[in-house]
PDB file of N, CA and C in Angstrom:
ATOM      1  N   MET A   1      12.829 -42.259 106.141  1.00  0.00           N
ATOM      2  CA  MET A   1      12.905 -42.668 107.314  1.00  0.00           C
ATOM      3  C   MET A   1      12.636 -41.181 108.308  1.00  0.00           C
ATOM      4  N   LEU A   2      13.458 -40.635 108.148  1.00  0.00           N
ATOM      5  CA  LEU A   2      13.943 -39.359 108.923  1.00  0.00           C
ATOM      6  C   LEU A   2      12.658 -38.564 108.821  1.00  0.00           C
ATOM      7  N   ALA A   3      11.985 -38.376 107.453  1.00  0.00           N
ATOM      8  CA  ALA A   3      11.353 -37.185 107.274  1.00  0.00           C
ATOM      9  C   ALA A   3       9.578 -37.695 107.956  1.00  0.00           C
ATOM     10  N   LEU A   4       9.615 -39.385 108.138  1.00  0.00           N
ATOM     11  CA  LEU A   4       8.448 -39.912 109.100  1.00  0.00           C
ATOM     12  C   LEU A   4       8.810 -39.632 110.436  1.00  0.00           C
ATOM     13  N   MET A   5       9.801 -39.810 111.141  1.00  0.00           N
ATOM     14  CA  MET A   5      10.173 -39.654 112.474  1.00  0.00           C
ATOM     15  C   MET A   5      10.111 -37.882 112.726  1.00  0.00           C
ATOM     16  N   ASN A   6      10.596 -37.313 111.758  1.00  0.00           N
ATOM     17  CA  ASN A   6      10.089 -35.699 112.056  1.00  0.00           C
ATOM     18  C   ASN A   6       8.846 -35.129 112.143  1.00  0.00           C
ATOM     19  N   GLU A   7       7.800 -35.654 111.230  1.00  0.00           N
ATOM     20  CA  GLU A   7       6.586 -35.566 111.308  1.00  0.00           C
ATOM     21  C   GLU A   7       5.521 -35.561 112.597  1.00  0.00           C
ATOM     22  N   ASP A   8       6.377 -36.690 113.448  1.00  0.00           N
ATOM     23  CA  ASP A   8       5.543 -36.879 114.716  1.00  0.00           C
ATOM     24  C   ASP A   8       6.576 -37.323 115.438  1.00  0.00           C
ATOM     25  N   ALA A   9       6.878 -36.339 116.583  1.00  0.00           N
ATOM     26  CA  ALA A   9       8.125 -36.662 117.304  1.00  0.00           C
ATOM     27  C   ALA A   9       7.577 -37.433 118.635  1.00  0.00           C
ATOM     28  N   ASP A  10       6.590 -38.015 118.809  1.00  0.00           N
ATOM     29  CA  ASP A  10       5.967 -39.571 119.475  1.00  0.00           C
ATOM     30  C   ASP A  10       5.959 -40.369 118.501  1.00  0.00           C
ATOM     31  N   TRP A  11       6.301 -40.733 117.295  1.00  0.00           N
ATOM     32  CA  TRP A  11       6.278 -41.901 116.673  1.00  0.00           C
ATOM     33  C   TRP A  11       6.395 -43.245 117.305  1.00  0.00           C
ATOM     34  N   TYR A  12       7.009 -43.377 118.173  1.00  0.00           N
ATOM     35  CA  TYR A  12       7.775 -44.474 118.637  1.00  0.00           C
ATOM     36  C   TYR A  12       6.611 -45.230 119.973  1.00  0.00           C
ATOM     37  N   ARG A  13       5.867 -43.994 120.294  1.00  0.00           N
ATOM     38  CA  ARG A  13       4.805 -44.535 121.372  1.00  0.00           C
ATOM     39  C   ARG A  13       3.917 -45.276 121.111  1.00  0.00           C
ATOM     40  N   ASN A  14       3.604 -44.898 119.759  1.00  0.00           N
ATOM     41  CA  ASN A  14       2.553 -46.122 119.293  1.00  0.00           C
ATOM     42  C   ASN A  14       2.728 -46.993 118.546  1.00  0.00           C
ATOM     43  N   GLU A  15       2.742 -48.270 118.764  1.00  0.00           N
ATOM     44  CA  GLU A  15       3.309 -49.367 117.764  1.00  0.00           C
ATOM     45  C   GLU A  15       2.072 -50.014 116.786  1.00  0.00           C
ATOM     46  N   ASP A  16       0.945 -49.417 116.860  1.00  0.00           N
ATOM     47  CA  ASP A  16      -0.219 -49.715 116.258  1.00  0.00           C
ATOM     48  C   ASP A  16      -0.348 -48.938 114.892  1.00  0.00           C
ATOM     49  N   THR A  17       0.520 -48.065 114.606  1.00  0.00           N
ATOM     50  CA  THR A  17       0.432 -46.898 113.706  1.00  0.00           C
ATOM     51  C   THR A  17       1.103 -47.555 112.312  1.00  0.00           C
ATOM     52  N   GLU A  18       0.307 -47.085 111.443  1.00  0.00           N
ATOM     53  CA  GLU A  18       1.462 -47.321 110.009  1.00  0.00           C
ATOM     54  C   GLU A  18       2.766 -46.681 110.092  1.00  0.00           C
ATOM     55  N   ARG A  19       2.380 -45.153 110.707  1.00  0.00           N
ATOM     56  CA  ARG A  19       4.046 -44.627 110.750  1.00  0.00           C
ATOM     57  C   ARG A  19       5.229 -45.627 111.911  1.00  0.00           C
ATOM     58  N   PHE A  20       4.781 -46.102 112.648  1.00  0.00           N
ATOM     59  CA  PHE A  20       5.748 -46.757 113.306  1.00  0.00           C
ATOM     60  C   PHE A  20       5.952 -48.137 112.154  1.00  0.00           C
ATOM     61  N   LYS A  21       5.155 -48.861 112.273  1.00  0.00           N
ATOM     62  CA  LYS A  21       5.385 -50.071 111.251  1.00  0.00           C
ATOM     63  C   LYS A  21       6.479 -49.621 109.936  1.00  0.00           C
ATOM     64  N   ARG A  22       6.034 -49.005 109.513  1.00  0.00           N
ATOM     65  CA  ARG A  22       6.920 -47.952 108.236  1.00  0.00           C
ATOM     66  C   ARG A  22       8.442 -47.570 108.838  1.00  0.00           C
ATOM     67  N   ILE A  23       8.508 -46.992 109.863  1.00  0.00           N
ATOM     68  CA  ILE A  23       9.802 -46.854 110.278  1.00  0.00           C
ATOM     69  C   ILE A  23      10.691 -47.733 110.742  1.00  0.00           C
ATOM     70  N   GLN A  24      10.131 -48.757 111.321  1.00  0.00           N
ATOM     71  CA  GLN A  24      10.496 -50.033 112.141  1.00  0.00           C
ATOM     72  C   GLN A  24      11.308 -51.043 110.471  1.00  0.00           C
ATOM     73  N   GLU A  25      10.268 -50.814 109.520  1.00  0.00           N
ATOM     74  CA  GLU A  25      10.424 -51.791 108.257  1.00  0.00           C
ATOM     75  C   GLU A  25      11.976 -50.828 107.493  1.00  0.00           C
ATOM     76  N   LEU A  26      11.884 -49.724 107.636  1.00  0.00           N
ATOM     77  CA  LEU A  26      12.807 -48.952 106.931  1.00  0.00           C
ATOM     78  C   LEU A  26      14.154 -49.385 107.739  1.00  0.00           C
ATOM     79  N   ALA A  27      14.090 -49.125 108.870  1.00  0.00           N
ATOM     80  CA  ALA A  27      15.186 -49.464 109.593  1.00  0.00           C
ATOM     81  C   ALA A  27      15.614 -50.796 109.752  1.00  0.00           C
ATOM     82  N   LYS A  28      15.124 -51.538 109.230  1.00  0.00           N
ATOM     83  CA  LYS A  28      15.398 -52.808 109.191  1.00  0.00           C
ATOM     84  C   LYS A  28      16.247 -53.377 107.747  1.00  0.00           C
ATOM     85  N   LYS A  29      15.364 -52.282 106.865  1.00  0.00           N
ATOM     86  CA  LYS A  29      16.258 -52.450 105.850  1.00  0.00           C
ATOM     87  C   LYS A  29      17.813 -51.812 105.725  1.00  0.00           C
ATOM     88  N   ILE A  30      17.616 -50.870 106.300  1.00  0.00           N
ATOM     89  CA  ILE A  30      18.848 -49.855 106.595  1.00  0.00           C
ATOM     90  C   ILE A  30      19.792 -50.704 107.178  1.00  0.00           C
ATOM     91  N   GLU A  31      19.471 -51.642 108.609  1.00  0.00           N
ATOM     92  CA  GLU A  31      20.456 -52.754 109.254  1.00  0.00           C
ATOM     93  C   GLU A  31      21.043 -53.838 108.481  1.00  0.00           C
ATOM     94  N   THR A  32      19.807 -54.079 107.465  1.00  0.00           N
ATOM     95  CA  THR A  32      20.594 -55.149 106.687  1.00  0.00           C
ATOM     96  C   THR A  32      21.540 -55.049 105.292  1.00  0.00           C
ATOM     97  N   ALA A  33      21.164 -53.556 104.810  1.00  0.00           N
ATOM     98  CA  ALA A  33      22.041 -52.912 104.152  1.00  0.00           C
ATOM     99  C   ALA A  33      23.428 -52.895 104.769  1.00  0.00           C
ATOM    100  N   SER A  34      23.478 -52.316 105.873  1.00  0.00           N
ATOM    101  CA  SER A  34      24.488 -52.006 106.548  1.00  0.00           C
ATOM    102  C   SER A  34      25.431 -53.343 106.840  1.00  0.00           C
ATOM    103  N   THR A  35      24.748 -54.328 107.135  1.00  0.00           N
ATOM    104  CA  THR A  35      25.495 -55.777 107.684  1.00  0.00           C
ATOM    105  C   THR A  35      25.901 -56.369 106.444  1.00  0.00           C
ATOM    106  N   ARG A  36      25.332 -55.987 105.049  1.00  0.00           N
ATOM    107  CA  ARG A  36      25.781 -56.706 103.955  1.00  0.00           C
ATOM    108  C   ARG A  36      27.094 -56.023 103.617  1.00  0.00           C
ATOM    109  N   GLN A  37      27.334 -54.681 103.693  1.00  0.00           N
ATOM    110  CA  GLN A  37      28.177 -54.127 103.301  1.00  0.00           C
ATOM    111  C   GLN A  37      29.671 -53.841 104.329  1.00  0.00           C
ATOM    112  N   PHE A  38      29.477 -54.090 105.744  1.00  0.00           N
ATOM    113  CA  PHE A  38      30.432 -54.318 106.039  1.00  0.00           C
ATOM    114  C   PHE A  38      30.687 -55.724 106.182  1.00  0.00           C
ATOM    115  N   SER A  39      29.955 -56.803 106.088  1.00  0.00           N
ATOM    116  CA  SER A  39      30.806 -57.851 106.005  1.00  0.00           C
ATOM    117  C   SER A  39      31.591 -58.541 104.756  1.00  0.00           C
ATOM    118  N   SER A  40      31.538 -57.520 103.780  1.00  0.00           N
ATOM    119  CA  SER A  40      32.224 -57.835 102.487  1.00  0.00           C
ATOM    120  C   SER A  40      33.252 -57.782 102.813  1.00  0.00           C
ATOM    121  N   HIS A  41      34.069 -56.965 103.872  1.00  0.00           N
ATOM    122  CA  HIS A  41      35.549 -56.571 104.292  1.00  0.00           C
ATOM    123  C   HIS A  41      35.989 -57.384 105.350  1.00  0.00           C
ATOM    124  N   ILE A  42      35.198 -58.299 105.894  1.00  0.00           N
ATOM    125  CA  ILE A  42      35.792 -59.287 106.997  1.00  0.00           C
ATOM    126  C   ILE A  42      36.165 -60.579 106.320  1.00  0.00           C
ATOM    127  N   SER A  43      37.106 -60.852 106.796  1.00  0.00           N
ATOM    128  CA  SER A  43      37.510 -62.401 106.412  1.00  0.00           C
ATOM    129  C   SER A  43      37.612 -63.154 107.664  1.00  0.00           C
ATOM    130  N   LYS A  44      37.784 -64.403 107.078  1.00  0.00           N
ATOM    131  CA  LYS A  44      37.413 -65.739 108.279  1.00  0.00           C
ATOM    132  C   LYS A  44      39.251 -65.486 109.190  1.00  0.00           C
ATOM    133  N   GLU A  45      40.270 -65.252 108.106  1.00  0.00           N
ATOM    134  CA  GLU A  45      41.445 -65.179 108.764  1.00  0.00           C
ATOM    135  C   GLU A  45      41.521 -64.211 109.434  1.00  0.00           C
ATOM    136  N   ARG A  46      41.050 -63.038 109.319  1.00  0.00           N
ATOM    137  CA  ARG A  46      41.322 -62.111 110.496  1.00  0.00           C
ATOM    138  C   ARG A  46      40.373 -62.030 111.409  1.00  0.00           C
ATOM    139  N   PHE A  47      39.476 -62.775 111.206  1.00  0.00           N
ATOM    140  CA  PHE A  47      38.378 -62.755 112.462  1.00  0.00           C
ATOM    141  C   PHE A  47      38.919 -63.706 113.396  1.00  0.00           C
ATOM    142  N   GLU A  48      39.495 -64.982 113.126  1.00  0.00           N
ATOM    143  CA  GLU A  48      40.005 -65.929 113.449  1.00  0.00           C
ATOM    144  C   GLU A  48      41.191 -65.768 114.223  1.00  0.00           C
ATOM    145  N   ALA A  49      42.110 -64.863 113.766  1.00  0.00           N
ATOM    146  CA  ALA A  49      43.268 -64.640 114.351  1.00  0.00           C
ATOM    147  C   ALA A  49      43.134 -63.278 115.230  1.00  0.00           C
ATOM    148  N   TYR A  50      41.844 -62.569 115.259  1.00  0.00           N
ATOM    149  CA  TYR A  50      41.535 -61.626 116.486  1.00  0.00           C
ATOM    150  C   TYR A  50      41.069 -62.699 117.580  1.00  0.00           C
ATOM    151  N   GLN A  51      40.458 -63.801 117.212  1.00  0.00           N
ATOM    152  CA  GLN A  51      39.866 -64.718 118.376  1.00  0.00           C
ATOM    153  C   GLN A  51      41.278 -65.219 119.151  1.00  0.00           C
ATOM    154  N   ARG A  52      41.939 -66.073 118.330  1.00  0.00           N
ATOM    155  CA  ARG A  52      43.375 -66.360 118.600  1.00  0.00           C
ATOM    156  C   ARG A  52      44.199 -65.514 119.717  1.00  0.00           C
ATOM    157  N   MET A  53      43.987 -64.078 119.484  1.00  0.00           N
ATOM    158  CA  MET A  53      44.496 -63.354 120.256  1.00  0.00           C
ATOM    159  C   MET A  53      44.301 -62.955 121.600  1.00  0.00           C
ATOM    160  N   GLY A  54      42.895 -63.555 121.400  1.00  0.00           N
ATOM    161  CA  GLY A  54      42.091 -63.668 123.034  1.00  0.00           C
ATOM    162  C   GLY A  54      41.321 -62.430 122.697  1.00  0.00           C
ATOM    163  N   LEU A  55      40.848 -61.468 121.824  1.00  0.00           N
ATOM    164  CA  LEU A  55      39.813 -60.276 121.954  1.00  0.00           C
ATOM    165  C   LEU A  55      38.691 -60.929 121.715  1.00  0.00           C
ATOM    166  N   GLN A  56      37.986 -59.941 122.854  1.00  0.00           N
ATOM    167  CA  GLN A  56      36.364 -60.224 123.146  1.00  0.00           C
ATOM    168  C   GLN A  56      35.892 -59.974 121.857  1.00  0.00           C
ATOM    169  N   PHE A  57      34.371 -60.618 122.092  1.00  0.00           N
ATOM    170  CA  PHE A  57      33.482 -60.270 120.636  1.00  0.00           C
ATOM    171  C   PHE A  57      33.718 -58.642 120.504  1.00  0.00           C
ATOM    172  N   LYS A  58      33.099 -58.220 121.637  1.00  0.00           N
ATOM    173  CA  LYS A  58      32.968 -56.142 121.230  1.00  0.00           C
ATOM    174  C   LYS A  58      34.236 -56.022 120.720  1.00  0.00           C
ATOM    175  N   GLU A  59      35.449 -56.305 121.049  1.00  0.00           N
ATOM    176  CA  GLU A  59      36.871 -55.722 120.676  1.00  0.00           C
ATOM    177  C   GLU A  59      36.854 -56.198 119.109  1.00  0.00           C
ATOM    178  N   ILE A  60      36.428 -57.388 118.811  1.00  0.00           N
ATOM    179  CA  ILE A  60      36.592 -57.709 117.295  1.00  0.00           C
ATOM    180  C   ILE A  60      35.703 -56.876 116.421  1.00  0.00           C
ATOM    181  N   ALA A  61      34.495 -56.621 116.872  1.00  0.00           N
ATOM    182  CA  ALA A  61      33.450 -55.887 116.160  1.00  0.00           C
ATOM    183  C   ALA A  61      34.666 -54.456 116.175  1.00  0.00           C
ATOM    184  N   GLU A  62      34.903 -53.980 117.152  1.00  0.00           N
ATOM    185  CA  GLU A  62      35.415 -52.466 116.894  1.00  0.00           C
ATOM    186  C   GLU A  62      36.405 -52.576 116.251  1.00  0.00           C
ATOM    187  N   GLU A  63      37.520 -53.565 115.725  1.00  0.00           N
ATOM    188  CA  GLU A  63      38.766 -53.711 115.070  1.00  0.00           C
ATOM    189  C   GLU A  63      38.128 -53.809 113.670  1.00  0.00           C
ATOM    190  N   PHE A  64      36.863 -54.558 113.360  1.00  0.00           N
ATOM    191  CA  PHE A  64      36.460 -54.360 111.660  1.00  0.00           C
ATOM    192  C   PHE A  64      35.650 -52.955 111.470  1.00  0.00           C
ATOM    193  N   HIS A  65      35.373 -52.052 112.847  1.00  0.00           N
ATOM    194  CA  HIS A  65      34.567 -50.919 112.803  1.00  0.00           C
ATOM    195  C   HIS A  65      32.983 -51.204 112.529  1.00  0.00           C
ATOM    196  N   ILE A  66      32.683 -52.168 112.805  1.00  0.00           N
ATOM    197  CA  ILE A  66      30.837 -52.873 112.683  1.00  0.00           C
ATOM    198  C   ILE A  66      30.601 -52.970 113.901  1.00  0.00           C
ATOM    199  N   THR A  67      29.236 -53.265 114.184  1.00  0.00           N
ATOM    200  CA  THR A  67      28.521 -53.084 115.506  1.00  0.00           C
ATOM    201  C   THR A  67      28.455 -54.779 115.604  1.00  0.00           C
ATOM    202  N   THR A  68      28.163 -54.986 116.958  1.00  0.00           N
ATOM    203  CA  THR A  68      28.152 -56.241 117.398  1.00  0.00           C
ATOM    204  C   THR A  68      27.119 -56.999 116.634  1.00  0.00           C
ATOM    205  N   THR A  69      26.174 -56.296 116.416  1.00  0.00           N
ATOM    206  CA  THR A  69      25.184 -56.976 115.687  1.00  0.00           C
ATOM    207  C   THR A  69      25.409 -57.385 114.072  1.00  0.00           C
ATOM    208  N   ALA A  70      25.857 -56.587 113.448  1.00  0.00           N
ATOM    209  CA  ALA A  70      26.764 -56.781 112.052  1.00  0.00           C
ATOM    210  C   ALA A  70      27.437 -57.987 112.573  1.00  0.00           C
ATOM    211  N   LEU A  71      28.332 -58.060 113.013  1.00  0.00           N
ATOM    212  CA  LEU A  71      29.256 -59.122 113.356  1.00  0.00           C
ATOM    213  C   LEU A  71      28.676 -60.185 113.787  1.00  0.00           C
ATOM    214  N   GLN A  72      27.886 -60.385 114.308  1.00  0.00           N
ATOM    215  CA  GLN A  72      27.010 -61.612 114.848  1.00  0.00           C
ATOM    216  C   GLN A  72      25.958 -62.114 114.076  1.00  0.00           C
ATOM    217  N   GLN A  73      26.031 -61.174 113.055  1.00  0.00           N
ATOM    218  CA  GLN A  73      25.184 -61.633 111.635  1.00  0.00           C
ATOM    219  C   GLN A  73      25.988 -62.129 110.574  1.00  0.00           C
ATOM    220  N   TRP A  74      27.376 -61.326 110.757  1.00  0.00           N
ATOM    221  CA  TRP A  74      28.183 -62.105 109.781  1.00  0.00           C
ATOM    222  C   TRP A  74      28.603 -63.942 110.240  1.00  0.00           C
ATOM    223  N   ARG A  75      28.693 -63.985 111.615  1.00  0.00           N
ATOM    224  CA  ARG A  75      29.138 -65.090 111.898  1.00  0.00           C
ATOM    225  C   ARG A  75      27.880 -66.113 111.443  1.00  0.00           C
ATOM    226  N   LYS A  76      26.577 -65.723 111.760  1.00  0.00           N
ATOM    227  CA  LYS A  76      25.591 -66.450 111.185  1.00  0.00           C
ATOM    228  C   LYS A  76      25.686 -66.777 110.114  1.00  0.00           C
ATOM    229  N   ASP A  77      26.134 -66.049 109.025  1.00  0.00           N
ATOM    230  CA  ASP A  77      26.139 -66.429 107.655  1.00  0.00           C
ATOM    231  C   ASP A  77      27.359 -67.241 107.166  1.00  0.00           C
ATOM    232  N   ASN A  78      28.467 -67.227 107.955  1.00  0.00           N
ATOM    233  CA  ASN A  78      29.509 -67.909 107.875  1.00  0.00           C
ATOM    234  C   ASN A  78      29.979 -69.285 108.414  1.00  0.00           C
ATOM    235  N   GLY A  79      28.704 -69.681 109.198  1.00  0.00           N
ATOM    236  CA  GLY A  79      28.931 -70.990 110.059  1.00  0.00           C
ATOM    237  C   GLY A  79      29.347 -70.733 110.969  1.00  0.00           C
ATOM    238  N   TYR A  80      29.834 -69.740 111.940  1.00  0.00           N
ATOM    239  CA  TYR A  80      30.210 -69.907 113.480  1.00  0.00           C
ATOM    240  C   TYR A  80      28.790 -70.080 114.171  1.00  0.00           C
ATOM    241  N   PRO A  81      29.271 -70.825 115.477  1.00  0.00           N
ATOM    242  CA  PRO A  81      28.286 -70.848 116.143  1.00  0.00           C
ATOM    243  C   PRO A  81      28.049 -69.574 117.022  1.00  0.00           C
ATOM    244  N   ILE A  82      26.604 -69.249 117.321  1.00  0.00           N
ATOM    245  CA  ILE A  82      26.550 -68.258 118.206  1.00  0.00           C
ATOM    246  C   ILE A  82      25.926 -68.513 119.818  1.00  0.00           C
ATOM    247  N   TYR A  83      26.272 -67.962 120.732  1.00  0.00           N
ATOM    248  CA  TYR A  83      26.499 -68.270 121.908  1.00  0.00           C
ATOM    249  C   TYR A  83      25.949 -66.813 122.636  1.00  0.00           C
ATOM    250  N   ASN A  84      24.849 -67.302 123.326  1.00  0.00           N
ATOM    251  CA  ASN A  84      24.219 -66.244 124.323  1.00  0.00           C
ATOM    252  C   ASN A  84      24.361 -66.597 125.841  1.00  0.00           C
ATOM    253  N   LYS A  85      23.832 -65.625 126.410  1.00  0.00           N
ATOM    254  CA  LYS A  85      23.971 -66.174 127.826  1.00  0.00           C
ATOM    255  C   LYS A  85      23.137 -67.454 128.443  1.00  0.00           C
ATOM    256  N   ASN A  86      22.091 -67.401 127.871  1.00  0.00           N
ATOM    257  CA  ASN A  86      21.154 -68.900 128.335  1.00  0.00           C
ATOM    258  C   ASN A  86      21.831 -70.233 127.099  1.00  0.00           C
ATOM    259  N   ASN A  87      22.669 -69.956 126.492  1.00  0.00           N
ATOM    260  CA  ASN A  87      22.776 -71.044 125.327  1.00  0.00           C
ATOM    261  C   ASN A  87      24.253 -71.320 125.280  1.00  0.00           C
ATOM    262  N   LYS A  88      25.367 -71.201 126.575  1.00  0.00           N
ATOM    263  CA  LYS A  88      26.706 -71.338 126.416  1.00  0.00           C
ATOM    264  C   LYS A  88      26.983 -72.467 126.272  1.00  0.00           C
ATOM    265  N   LYS A  89      27.982 -72.918 125.600  1.00  0.00           N
ATOM    266  CA  LYS A  89      28.573 -74.350 124.990  1.00  0.00           C
ATOM    267  C   LYS A  89      29.752 -74.109 125.331  1.00  0.00           C
TER     268      LYS A  89
END
């Protein structure tokens, strides 16, 4: 992916190119692999303990040393409801 990005410094400016599409595809694969790797060390017990302690979502992600995106994916995979600004319950 880095090689593709280095070949053209302006690769991100044209979304219709094969280079752009390939870089985006590789980025998704990396993100998916990263999420799987991190989710293996997150336990429901620890997650729920952090929630009971009153930690915010971002703080919980920091405790697990993962991104909020990875934590959100873990929540989806483990049946926790996902809330967003337009869908508060």
